[in-house]
C-alpha atoms as a PDB file:
ATOM      1  CA  MET A   1       1.459  11.986  19.334  1.00  0.00           C
ATOM      2  CA  LEU A   2       1.487   9.353  15.946  1.00  0.00           C
ATOM      3  CA  GLN A   3       4.792   8.900  14.091  1.00  0.00           C
ATOM      4  CA  LYS A   4       4.944  11.649  11.455  1.00  0.00           C
ATOM      5  CA  VAL A   5       6.589  10.722   8.076  1.00  0.00           C
ATOM      6  CA  SER A   6       9.305  12.833   6.970  1.00  0.00           C
ATOM      7  CA  LEU A   7       8.436  14.391   3.174  1.00  0.00           C
ATOM      8  CA  GLY A   8       9.301  17.202   0.872  1.00  0.00           C
ATOM      9  CA  VAL A   9       7.383  19.016  -1.559  1.00  0.00           C
ATOM     10  CA  LYS A  10       6.839  18.013  -5.439  1.00  0.00           C
ATOM     11  CA  ASP A  11       6.344  20.569  -7.976  1.00  0.00           C
ATOM     12  CA  ILE A  12       3.682  19.396 -10.229  1.00  0.00           C
ATOM     13  CA  ASN A  13       4.699  21.548 -13.319  1.00  0.00           C
ATOM     14  CA  ASN A  14       7.573  18.744 -13.167  1.00  0.00           C
ATOM     15  CA  TYR A  15       5.027  16.477 -14.724  1.00  0.00           C
ATOM     16  CA  ARG A  16       4.196  18.821 -17.824  1.00  0.00           C
ATOM     17  CA  MET A  17       6.203  16.948 -20.136  1.00  0.00           C
ATOM     18  CA  LEU A  18       4.091  13.662 -19.413  1.00  0.00           C
ATOM     19  CA  LEU A  19       0.288  15.126 -19.183  1.00  0.00           C
ATOM     20  CA  ASP A  20      -1.473  17.434 -21.076  1.00  0.00           C
ATOM     21  CA  SER A  21      -1.035  21.261 -19.752  1.00  0.00           C
ATOM     22  CA  GLU A  22      -4.997  21.706 -19.587  1.00  0.00           C
ATOM     23  CA  LEU A  23      -5.040  18.904 -16.895  1.00  0.00           C
ATOM     24  CA  ILE A  24      -2.128  20.478 -14.972  1.00  0.00           C
ATOM     25  CA  ASP A  25      -3.836  23.817 -15.032  1.00  0.00           C
ATOM     26  CA  GLU A  26      -7.211  22.247 -13.781  1.00  0.00           C
ATOM     27  CA  VAL A  27      -5.339  20.460 -11.173  1.00  0.00           C
ATOM     28  CA  GLU A  28      -3.685  23.805  -9.909  1.00  0.00           C
ATOM     29  CA  ALA A  29      -7.382  25.747 -10.200  1.00  0.00           C
ATOM     30  CA  LEU A  30      -9.034  23.489  -8.094  1.00  0.00           C
ATOM     31  CA  ALA A  31      -6.143  23.080  -5.316  1.00  0.00           C
ATOM     32  CA  ARG A  32      -6.380  27.075  -5.245  1.00  0.00           C
ATOM     33  CA  ASP A  33      -9.657  26.600  -3.590  1.00  0.00           C
ATOM     34  CA  LEU A  34      -8.280  24.465  -1.095  1.00  0.00           C
ATOM     35  CA  LYS A  35      -5.487  26.501  -0.065  1.00  0.00           C
ATOM     36  CA  GLY A  36      -5.015  26.535   3.972  1.00  0.00           C
ATOM     37  CA  LEU A  37      -6.291  23.290   3.936  1.00  0.00           C
ATOM     38  CA  ARG A  38      -4.898  20.852   6.501  1.00  0.00           C
ATOM     39  CA  LEU A  39      -5.022  17.251   5.388  1.00  0.00           C
ATOM     40  CA  CYS A  40      -3.894  14.175   7.351  1.00  0.00           C
ATOM     41  CA  HIS A  41      -3.165  10.638   5.813  1.00  0.00           C
ATOM     42  CA  ILE A  42      -3.020   7.940   8.255  1.00  0.00           C
ATOM     43  CA  ASN A  43      -1.762   4.031   7.647  1.00  0.00           C
ATOM     44  CA  SER A  44      -0.298   1.475   9.382  1.00  0.00           C
ATOM     45  CA  THR A  45       3.384   1.560   7.861  1.00  0.00           C
ATOM     46  CA  PRO A  46       5.945   4.191   6.210  1.00  0.00           C
ATOM     47  CA  PHE A  47       7.106   1.713   3.803  1.00  0.00           C
ATOM     48  CA  GLY A  48       6.599  -1.625   2.458  1.00  0.00           C
ATOM     49  CA  GLY A  49       3.709  -1.429   0.584  1.00  0.00           C
ATOM     50  CA  GLY A  50       1.530  -0.093  -2.133  1.00  0.00           C
ATOM     51  CA  VAL A  51      -0.133   2.220  -0.055  1.00  0.00           C
ATOM     52  CA  ALA A  52       3.049   3.579   1.522  1.00  0.00           C
ATOM     53  CA  GLU A  53       4.305   4.008  -2.085  1.00  0.00           C
ATOM     54  CA  LEU A  54       1.467   6.345  -3.183  1.00  0.00           C
ATOM     55  CA  LEU A  55       1.776   8.681  -0.145  1.00  0.00           C
ATOM     56  CA  PHE A  56       5.428   9.045  -0.685  1.00  0.00           C
ATOM     57  CA  SER A  57       4.619  10.574  -4.045  1.00  0.00           C
ATOM     58  CA  TYR A  58       1.209  11.678  -3.148  1.00  0.00           C
ATOM     59  CA  ILE A  59       1.620  13.736  -0.088  1.00  0.00           C
ATOM     60  CA  PRO A  60       4.757  16.002  -1.485  1.00  0.00           C
ATOM     61  CA  MET A  61       2.775  16.540  -4.782  1.00  0.00           C
ATOM     62  CA  VAL A  62      -0.227  17.653  -2.789  1.00  0.00           C
ATOM     63  CA  ARG A  63       2.242  20.245  -0.720  1.00  0.00           C
ATOM     64  CA  GLY A  64       3.491  21.439  -3.693  1.00  0.00           C
ATOM     65  CA  LEU A  65      -0.481  22.486  -4.876  1.00  0.00           C
ATOM     66  CA  GLY A  66      -0.472  24.959  -1.388  1.00  0.00           C
ATOM     67  CA  ILE A  67      -2.182  22.634   0.553  1.00  0.00           C
ATOM     68  CA  HIS A  68      -0.726  21.638   4.242  1.00  0.00           C
ATOM     69  CA  ALA A  69      -0.390  17.853   4.028  1.00  0.00           C
ATOM     70  CA  ASP A  70       0.824  15.173   6.401  1.00  0.00           C
ATOM     71  CA  TRP A  71       1.091  11.400   6.878  1.00  0.00           C
ATOM     72  CA  GLN A  72       1.293   9.964   9.940  1.00  0.00           C
ATOM     73  CA  VAL A  73       1.645   6.370  11.285  1.00  0.00           C
ATOM     74  CA  ILE A  74      -0.588   3.984  14.001  1.00  0.00           C
ATOM     75  CA  ARG A  75       1.547   1.963  16.508  1.00  0.00           C
ATOM     76  CA  GLY A  76       0.696  -1.474  17.610  1.00  0.00           C
ATOM     77  CA  ASP A  77       2.038  -4.626  18.802  1.00  0.00           C
ATOM     78  CA  LEU A  78       2.367  -7.907  16.868  1.00  0.00           C
ATOM     79  CA  ARG A  79      -0.553  -9.025  18.078  1.00  0.00           C
ATOM     80  CA  PHE A  80      -2.450  -6.179  16.760  1.00  0.00           C
ATOM     81  CA  PHE A  81      -0.846  -6.054  13.008  1.00  0.00           C
ATOM     82  CA  ALA A  82      -1.533 -10.009  13.163  1.00  0.00           C
ATOM     83  CA  ILE A  83      -5.379  -9.378  13.713  1.00  0.00           C
ATOM     84  CA  THR A  84      -5.358  -6.712  11.089  1.00  0.00           C
ATOM     85  CA  LYS A  85      -3.619  -8.614   8.460  1.00  0.00           C
ATOM     86  CA  SER A  86      -6.092 -11.128   9.237  1.00  0.00           C
ATOM     87  CA  LEU A  87      -8.858  -8.393   8.919  1.00  0.00           C
ATOM     88  CA  HIS A  88      -7.126  -7.491   5.594  1.00  0.00           C
ATOM     89  CA  ASN A  89      -7.155 -11.039   4.205  1.00  0.00           C
ATOM     90  CA  ALA A  90     -10.640 -11.432   5.224  1.00  0.00           C
ATOM     91  CA  LEU A  91     -12.024  -8.220   3.421  1.00  0.00           C
ATOM     92  CA  GLN A  92     -10.832  -9.937   0.490  1.00  0.00           C
ATOM     93  CA  GLY A  93     -12.833 -13.073   1.009  1.00  0.00           C
ATOM     94  CA  ALA A  94     -10.668 -15.145   3.205  1.00  0.00           C
ATOM     95  CA  GLU A  95     -12.527 -16.798   6.418  1.00  0.00           C
ATOM     96  CA  TYR A  96     -11.334 -15.272   9.775  1.00  0.00           C
ATOM     97  CA  PRO A  97     -12.872 -18.017  12.233  1.00  0.00           C
ATOM     98  CA  LEU A  98     -10.913 -16.378  15.114  1.00  0.00           C
ATOM     99  CA  LEU A  99     -12.703 -13.336  15.142  1.00  0.00           C
ATOM    100  CA  ASP A 100     -13.964 -13.598  18.677  1.00  0.00           C
ATOM    101  CA  GLN A 101     -14.839 -10.989  21.266  1.00  0.00           C
ATOM    102  CA  GLN A 102     -11.135 -10.604  22.522  1.00  0.00           C
ATOM    103  CA  THR A 103      -9.781 -10.275  18.882  1.00  0.00           C
ATOM    104  CA  LYS A 104     -12.383  -7.371  18.402  1.00  0.00           C
ATOM    105  CA  ARG A 105     -11.408  -5.691  21.743  1.00  0.00           C
ATOM    106  CA  THR A 106      -7.377  -5.780  21.094  1.00  0.00           C
ATOM    107  CA  TYR A 107      -8.472  -3.985  17.591  1.00  0.00           C
ATOM    108  CA  LEU A 108     -10.425  -1.569  19.168  1.00  0.00           C
ATOM    109  CA  THR A 109      -8.295  -0.888  22.248  1.00  0.00           C
ATOM    110  CA  ASN A 110      -5.390  -0.339  19.762  1.00  0.00           C
ATOM    111  CA  ASN A 111      -7.294   1.957  17.676  1.00  0.00           C
ATOM    112  CA  GLN A 112      -8.628   3.749  20.911  1.00  0.00           C
ATOM    113  CA  GLN A 113      -4.987   4.269  22.267  1.00  0.00           C
ATOM    114  CA  ASN A 114      -3.915   5.666  18.613  1.00  0.00           C
ATOM    115  CA  ALA A 115      -7.075   8.054  18.672  1.00  0.00           C
ATOM    116  CA  GLN A 116      -5.561   9.421  21.825  1.00  0.00           C
ATOM    117  CA  GLU A 117      -2.329  10.334  20.224  1.00  0.00           C
ATOM    118  CA  LEU A 118      -3.773  11.790  17.383  1.00  0.00           C
ATOM    119  CA  ASP A 119      -3.214  15.339  16.615  1.00  0.00           C
ATOM    120  CA  PRO A 120      -6.678  17.057  15.933  1.00  0.00           C
ATOM    121  CA  ASN A 121      -5.363  20.027  14.186  1.00  0.00           C
ATOM    122  CA  TYR A 122      -6.907  19.154  10.730  1.00  0.00           C
ATOM    123  CA  ASP A 123      -9.507  19.652   8.333  1.00  0.00           C
ATOM    124  CA  VAL A 124      -9.593  16.358   6.888  1.00  0.00           C
ATOM    125  CA  PHE A 125      -8.288  13.172   8.015  1.00  0.00           C
ATOM    126  CA  VAL A 126      -7.909   9.940   5.050  1.00  0.00           C
ATOM    127  CA  ILE A 127      -7.951   6.324   6.757  1.00  0.00           C
ATOM    128  CA  ASN A 128      -6.169   4.090   4.603  1.00  0.00           C
ATOM    129  CA  ASP A 129      -7.318   0.382   4.943  1.00  0.00           C
ATOM    130  CA  PRO A 130      -8.710  -1.728   7.684  1.00  0.00           C
ATOM    131  CA  GLN A 131      -5.994  -1.190  10.123  1.00  0.00           C
ATOM    132  CA  PRO A 132      -7.100   2.172  11.653  1.00  0.00           C
ATOM    133  CA  ALA A 133     -10.565   1.838  10.502  1.00  0.00           C
ATOM    134  CA  ALA A 134     -12.058   2.597  13.902  1.00  0.00           C
ATOM    135  CA  LEU A 135      -9.836   5.739  14.622  1.00  0.00           C
ATOM    136  CA  ARG A 136     -13.190   7.890  13.666  1.00  0.00           C
ATOM    137  CA  HIS A 137     -15.102   6.148  16.133  1.00  0.00           C
ATOM    138  CA  PHE A 138     -12.953   7.467  18.975  1.00  0.00           C
ATOM    139  CA  CYS A 139     -12.824  10.787  17.742  1.00  0.00           C
ATOM    140  CA  ASP A 140     -15.803  12.678  18.165  1.00  0.00           C
ATOM    141  CA  GLY A 141     -14.617  15.536  19.517  1.00  0.00           C
ATOM    142  CA  ILE A 142     -12.450  16.319  16.294  1.00  0.00           C
ATOM    143  CA  ASN A 143     -14.238  18.921  14.437  1.00  0.00           C
ATOM    144  CA  ALA A 144     -13.180  17.140  10.809  1.00  0.00           C
ATOM    145  CA  LYS A 145     -14.394  15.691   7.648  1.00  0.00           C
ATOM    146  CA  TRP A 146     -13.395  11.803   7.783  1.00  0.00           C
ATOM    147  CA  ILE A 147     -12.852   9.585   4.574  1.00  0.00           C
ATOM    148  CA  TRP A 148     -11.971   6.016   4.696  1.00  0.00           C
ATOM    149  CA  ARG A 149      -9.537   4.836   1.684  1.00  0.00           C
ATOM    150  CA  CYS A 150     -10.065   1.156   0.645  1.00  0.00           C
ATOM    151  CA  HIS A 151      -6.931  -0.267  -1.671  1.00  0.00           C
ATOM    152  CA  ILE A 152      -8.322  -3.654  -1.693  1.00  0.00           C
ATOM    153  CA  ASP A 153     -11.108  -5.426  -3.528  1.00  0.00           C
ATOM    154  CA  SER A 154     -13.572  -5.692  -0.892  1.00  0.00           C
ATOM    155  CA  SER A 155     -16.443  -6.951  -3.092  1.00  0.00           C
ATOM    156  CA  GLU A 156     -17.056 -10.105  -1.385  1.00  0.00           C
ATOM    157  CA  PRO A 157     -15.648 -10.059   2.262  1.00  0.00           C
ATOM    158  CA  ASP A 158     -15.907 -12.240   4.879  1.00  0.00           C
ATOM    159  CA  LYS A 159     -19.476 -11.785   6.217  1.00  0.00           C
ATOM    160  CA  ASP A 160     -18.764 -11.865   9.862  1.00  0.00           C
ATOM    161  CA  THR A 161     -15.433  -9.595   9.199  1.00  0.00           C
ATOM    162  CA  TRP A 162     -17.532  -6.776   7.422  1.00  0.00           C
ATOM    163  CA  GLN A 163     -20.304  -7.110  10.013  1.00  0.00           C
ATOM    164  CA  PHE A 164     -17.521  -5.997  12.562  1.00  0.00           C
ATOM    165  CA  LEU A 165     -16.092  -3.167  10.440  1.00  0.00           C
ATOM    166  CA  ARG A 166     -18.830  -2.078   8.491  1.00  0.00           C
ATOM    167  CA  PRO A 167     -20.302   0.394  11.257  1.00  0.00           C
ATOM    168  CA  HIS A 168     -16.848   2.036  11.558  1.00  0.00           C
ATOM    169  CA  VAL A 169     -16.634   2.261   8.015  1.00  0.00           C
ATOM    170  CA  GLU A 170     -19.993   3.885   8.029  1.00  0.00           C
ATOM    171  CA  GLU A 171     -19.192   6.629  10.606  1.00  0.00           C
ATOM    172  CA  HIS A 172     -17.049   8.062   7.851  1.00  0.00           C
ATOM    173  CA  ASP A 173     -17.923  11.043   5.948  1.00  0.00           C
ATOM    174  CA  ALA A 174     -17.099   9.414   2.668  1.00  0.00           C
ATOM    175  CA  ALA A 175     -15.383   6.467   1.349  1.00  0.00           C
ATOM    176  CA  ILE A 176     -13.049   5.921  -1.824  1.00  0.00           C
ATOM    177  CA  PHE A 177     -12.772   2.571  -3.763  1.00  0.00           C
ATOM    178  CA  THR A 178     -10.597   1.575  -6.774  1.00  0.00           C
ATOM    179  CA  MET A 179     -13.124   0.012  -8.283  1.00  0.00           C
ATOM    180  CA  GLU A 180     -17.000   0.476  -8.424  1.00  0.00           C
ATOM    181  CA  LYS A 181     -17.413  -3.453  -8.152  1.00  0.00           C
ATOM    182  CA  PHE A 182     -15.249  -3.202  -4.748  1.00  0.00           C
ATOM    183  CA  VAL A 183     -17.914  -1.361  -2.964  1.00  0.00           C
ATOM    184  CA  PRO A 184     -19.765  -3.888  -0.654  1.00  0.00           C
ATOM    185  CA  SER A 185     -23.452  -4.020  -1.682  1.00  0.00           C
ATOM    186  CA  ASP A 186     -24.756  -3.243   1.679  1.00  0.00           C
ATOM    187  CA  LEU A 187     -22.462  -0.197   2.496  1.00  0.00           C
ATOM    188  CA  SER A 188     -24.708   2.762   3.410  1.00  0.00           C
ATOM    189  CA  GLY A 189     -24.029   6.203   4.695  1.00  0.00           C
ATOM    190  CA  PRO A 190     -20.569   7.599   3.327  1.00  0.00           C
ATOM    191  CA  ARG A 191     -20.193   9.597   0.248  1.00  0.00           C
ATOM    192  CA  ILE A 192     -18.682   6.877  -2.295  1.00  0.00           C
ATOM    193  CA  ALA A 193     -15.917   7.912  -4.794  1.00  0.00           C
ATOM    194  CA  ILE A 194     -14.157   5.663  -7.378  1.00  0.00           C
ATOM    195  CA  ILE A 195     -10.142   6.722  -7.583  1.00  0.00           C
ATOM    196  CA  PRO A 196      -7.928   4.101  -9.207  1.00  0.00           C
ATOM    197  CA  PRO A 197      -4.447   4.038  -8.030  1.00  0.00           C
ATOM    198  CA  ALA A 198      -1.539   5.153 -10.181  1.00  0.00           C
ATOM    199  CA  ILE A 199       2.074   5.251 -10.212  1.00  0.00           C
ATOM    200  CA  ASP A 200       4.630   8.248  -9.977  1.00  0.00           C
ATOM    201  CA  PRO A 201       6.528   8.157 -13.349  1.00  0.00           C
ATOM    202  CA  LEU A 202       9.363  10.640 -11.782  1.00  0.00           C
ATOM    203  CA  SER A 203       9.590   8.165  -8.843  1.00  0.00           C
ATOM    204  CA  THR A 204      12.846   6.322  -8.123  1.00  0.00           C
ATOM    205  CA  LYS A 205      10.953   3.352  -9.009  1.00  0.00           C
ATOM    206  CA  ASN A 206       9.815   4.458 -12.551  1.00  0.00           C
ATOM    207  CA  MET A 207      12.140   7.261 -13.686  1.00  0.00           C
ATOM    208  CA  PRO A 208      14.076   7.063 -16.689  1.00  0.00           C
ATOM    209  CA  LEU A 209      17.537   5.584 -15.718  1.00  0.00           C
ATOM    210  CA  PRO A 210      20.478   7.881 -17.462  1.00  0.00           C
ATOM    211  CA  LYS A 211      22.443   4.961 -18.709  1.00  0.00           C
ATOM    212  CA  ALA A 212      21.855   1.437 -19.729  1.00  0.00           C
ATOM    213  CA  GLU A 213      25.243   0.407 -18.284  1.00  0.00           C
ATOM    214  CA  VAL A 214      23.665   1.369 -14.848  1.00  0.00           C
ATOM    215  CA  CYS A 215      21.020  -1.395 -15.206  1.00  0.00           C
ATOM    216  CA  ARG A 216      23.411  -3.769 -16.295  1.00  0.00           C
ATOM    217  CA  THR A 217      25.466  -3.724 -13.399  1.00  0.00           C
ATOM    218  CA  MET A 218      22.772  -3.518 -11.025  1.00  0.00           C
ATOM    219  CA  ILE A 219      21.451  -6.923 -12.457  1.00  0.00           C
ATOM    220  CA  ASP A 220      24.901  -8.340 -12.490  1.00  0.00           C
ATOM    221  CA  ASN A 221      25.548  -7.579  -8.704  1.00  0.00           C
ATOM    222  CA  LEU A 222      22.743  -9.354  -7.826  1.00  0.00           C
ATOM    223  CA  GLY A 223      23.978 -12.513  -9.803  1.00  0.00           C
ATOM    224  CA  LEU A 224      21.734 -12.912 -12.792  1.00  0.00           C
ATOM    225  CA  ASP A 225      22.520 -13.516 -16.080  1.00  0.00           C
ATOM    226  CA  ARG A 226      21.588 -11.128 -18.812  1.00  0.00           C
ATOM    227  CA  ASN A 227      22.279 -13.387 -21.495  1.00  0.00           C
ATOM    228  CA  ARG A 228      19.334 -15.783 -20.432  1.00  0.00           C
ATOM    229  CA  PRO A 229      15.656 -14.904 -20.348  1.00  0.00           C
ATOM    230  CA  LEU A 230      14.031 -13.755 -17.284  1.00  0.00           C
ATOM    231  CA  ILE A 231      10.658 -13.592 -15.477  1.00  0.00           C
ATOM    232  CA  ILE A 232      10.020 -11.073 -12.860  1.00  0.00           C
ATOM    233  CA  GLN A 233       7.266 -10.616 -10.432  1.00  0.00           C
ATOM    234  CA  VAL A 234       7.265  -7.389  -8.507  1.00  0.00           C
ATOM    235  CA  SER A 235       5.103  -7.297  -5.029  1.00  0.00           C
ATOM    236  CA  ARG A 236       4.823  -7.701  -1.566  1.00  0.00           C
ATOM    237  CA  PHE A 237       5.310 -10.921  -0.339  1.00  0.00           C
ATOM    238  CA  ASP A 238       1.563 -11.631   0.310  1.00  0.00           C
ATOM    239  CA  LEU A 239      -0.270 -14.856  -0.538  1.00  0.00           C
ATOM    240  CA  TRP A 240      -2.828 -12.881  -2.618  1.00  0.00           C
ATOM    241  CA  LYS A 241       0.109 -12.030  -4.834  1.00  0.00           C
ATOM    242  CA  ASP A 242       0.183 -16.330  -5.481  1.00  0.00           C
ATOM    243  CA  PRO A 243       4.175 -16.220  -5.205  1.00  0.00           C
ATOM    244  CA  PHE A 244       4.093 -19.990  -5.265  1.00  0.00           C
ATOM    245  CA  GLY A 245       1.830 -20.202  -8.349  1.00  0.00           C
ATOM    246  CA  VAL A 246       4.476 -17.824 -10.010  1.00  0.00           C
ATOM    247  CA  ILE A 247       6.842 -20.588  -9.168  1.00  0.00           C
ATOM    248  CA  GLU A 248       4.586 -22.989 -10.783  1.00  0.00           C
ATOM    249  CA  VAL A 249       4.356 -21.148 -14.063  1.00  0.00           C
ATOM    250  CA  TYR A 250       8.227 -20.772 -13.952  1.00  0.00           C
ATOM    251  CA  LYS A 251       8.579 -24.815 -13.910  1.00  0.00           C
ATOM    252  CA  LEU A 252       6.112 -25.227 -16.668  1.00  0.00           C
ATOM    253  CA  ALA A 253       7.705 -22.362 -18.723  1.00  0.00           C
ATOM    254  CA  ARG A 254      11.345 -23.526 -18.245  1.00  0.00           C
ATOM    255  CA  GLU A 255      10.449 -26.872 -19.846  1.00  0.00           C
ATOM    256  CA  LYS A 256      10.097 -24.620 -23.349  1.00  0.00           C
ATOM    257  CA  VAL A 257      12.564 -21.792 -22.736  1.00  0.00           C
ATOM    258  CA  PRO A 258      15.963 -23.441 -21.847  1.00  0.00           C
ATOM    259  CA  GLY A 259      17.854 -21.328 -19.169  1.00  0.00           C
ATOM    260  CA  LEU A 260      14.756 -19.313 -18.004  1.00  0.00           C
ATOM    261  CA  GLN A 261      15.493 -17.384 -14.815  1.00  0.00           C
ATOM    262  CA  LEU A 262      13.054 -16.148 -12.364  1.00  0.00           C
ATOM    263  CA  ALA A 263      13.303 -13.146  -9.948  1.00  0.00           C
ATOM    264  CA  LEU A 264      10.589 -12.837  -7.499  1.00  0.00           C
ATOM    265  CA  VAL A 265      11.453  -9.171  -6.240  1.00  0.00           C
ATOM    266  CA  GLY A 266       9.349  -7.650  -2.997  1.00  0.00           C
ATOM    267  CA  SER A 267       9.521  -5.722   0.066  1.00  0.00           C
ATOM    268  CA  MET A 268       8.698  -6.464   3.798  1.00  0.00           C
ATOM    269  CA  ALA A 269       6.647  -4.198   5.799  1.00  0.00           C
ATOM    270  CA  ASN A 270       6.238  -3.985   9.542  1.00  0.00           C
ATOM    271  CA  ASP A 271       2.577  -4.346   9.561  1.00  0.00           C
ATOM    272  CA  ASP A 272       2.457  -7.432   7.993  1.00  0.00           C
ATOM    273  CA  PRO A 273       3.893 -10.508  10.690  1.00  0.00           C
ATOM    274  CA  GLU A 274       2.085 -12.861   8.193  1.00  0.00           C
ATOM    275  CA  GLY A 275       4.772 -11.447   5.549  1.00  0.00           C
ATOM    276  CA  TRP A 276       7.890 -12.776   7.482  1.00  0.00           C
ATOM    277  CA  GLU A 277       6.585 -16.325   7.671  1.00  0.00           C
ATOM    278  CA  LEU A 278       5.672 -16.331   4.077  1.00  0.00           C
ATOM    279  CA  TYR A 279       8.695 -14.768   3.314  1.00  0.00           C
ATOM    280  CA  ALA A 280      10.744 -17.671   4.812  1.00  0.00           C
ATOM    281  CA  ALA A 281       8.202 -20.062   3.006  1.00  0.00           C
ATOM    282  CA  ILE A 282       9.313 -18.626  -0.322  1.00  0.00           C
ATOM    283  CA  HIS A 283      12.917 -18.806   0.290  1.00  0.00           C
ATOM    284  CA  ASN A 284      12.561 -22.579   1.104  1.00  0.00           C
ATOM    285  CA  GLU A 285      10.722 -23.264  -2.093  1.00  0.00           C
ATOM    286  CA  ALA A 286      12.986 -21.119  -4.459  1.00  0.00           C
ATOM    287  CA  ASP A 287      15.839 -22.727  -2.789  1.00  0.00           C
ATOM    288  CA  LYS A 288      14.898 -25.930  -4.704  1.00  0.00           C
ATOM    289  CA  TYR A 289      15.799 -24.164  -8.273  1.00  0.00           C
ATOM    290  CA  GLU A 290      19.325 -22.727  -8.971  1.00  0.00           C
ATOM    291  CA  ASP A 291      17.481 -20.117 -11.006  1.00  0.00           C
ATOM    292  CA  VAL A 292      14.930 -18.775  -8.818  1.00  0.00           C
ATOM    293  CA  HIS A 293      16.207 -15.740  -6.838  1.00  0.00           C
ATOM    294  CA  VAL A 294      14.312 -13.966  -4.138  1.00  0.00           C
ATOM    295  CA  PHE A 295      15.133 -10.326  -3.526  1.00  0.00           C
ATOM    296  CA  SER A 296      13.966  -7.810  -0.981  1.00  0.00           C
ATOM    297  CA  ASN A 297      14.906  -4.494   0.783  1.00  0.00           C
ATOM    298  CA  LEU A 298      16.147  -6.964   3.328  1.00  0.00           C
ATOM    299  CA  ASN A 299      19.133  -7.763   0.901  1.00  0.00           C
ATOM    300  CA  GLY A 300      19.827  -4.156  -0.495  1.00  0.00           C
ATOM    301  CA  VAL A 301      17.053  -4.455  -3.523  1.00  0.00           C
ATOM    302  CA  GLY A 302      15.081  -1.203  -3.418  1.00  0.00           C
ATOM    303  CA  ASN A 303      13.453   1.045  -5.842  1.00  0.00           C
ATOM    304  CA  MET A 304      16.480   1.762  -7.919  1.00  0.00           C
ATOM    305  CA  GLU A 305      17.137  -1.991  -8.296  1.00  0.00           C
ATOM    306  CA  VAL A 306      13.381  -2.537  -9.236  1.00  0.00           C
ATOM    307  CA  ASN A 307      13.772   0.016 -11.930  1.00  0.00           C
ATOM    308  CA  ALA A 308      16.745  -1.768 -13.361  1.00  0.00           C
ATOM    309  CA  PHE A 309      14.500  -4.897 -13.205  1.00  0.00           C
ATOM    310  CA  GLN A 310      12.022  -3.150 -15.516  1.00  0.00           C
END
């Protein structure tokens, strides 16, 4: 069986203080029609990225609405995740010259192996991003609806990569994109929906902290000077987030802002081998500057610390 992420239940009524009550009532009414539905989200990591953060809040909320919802994670070795990272980059427009037949076989074989471990007892499967995009191809015997959720800008994908992935995406019953312009122009077959992501204002990363002293203590413990100006980037350690560009901006800004500090705050995920190399490269660059700091879940900086930075 695939790894199931252990989560609890959230009461949507806790959000009434933040939303119009009519909106909460509408969501509850829609959910009543789906009571008894079995929903399964599938992605490639239980921590470290935006998809995991979304699901960490979303699944408990759906459960609180009376829908049976689970989150499961595919398995793979370093070779597989190196390939899927390249596919991920290529969907955003990067070239992928190494997409040969052996690479394709490795990707498809891993998806097939994960499909064999998939619990078929769900009514709807939501497949997140390119890593598990071929699962549907190997699950013809499962009587369920399949949705592919693309969390990245795939408006101008690498041609060969999209030609390889598109048939697998088109096997789904529906596809969800963040923005209309992210939908590839030649995608046909699945029903298309546009659903922008959102933050959870009651999550540990975003909820109000009870005392300012808590924030001050956490920042002090990280070795930053609260009495000097600070620039922060919060993101995954990913070239698409342009961390080196941020450092260049910092270098320009400090010429006019004496004592300026920079904190690059991110997280590492187990489905991103490229991220570890980039993390080391960022550290090497940051070490050239006394007031550039790199923080991550590897040195104890988690959601609460990010909240304090904010």
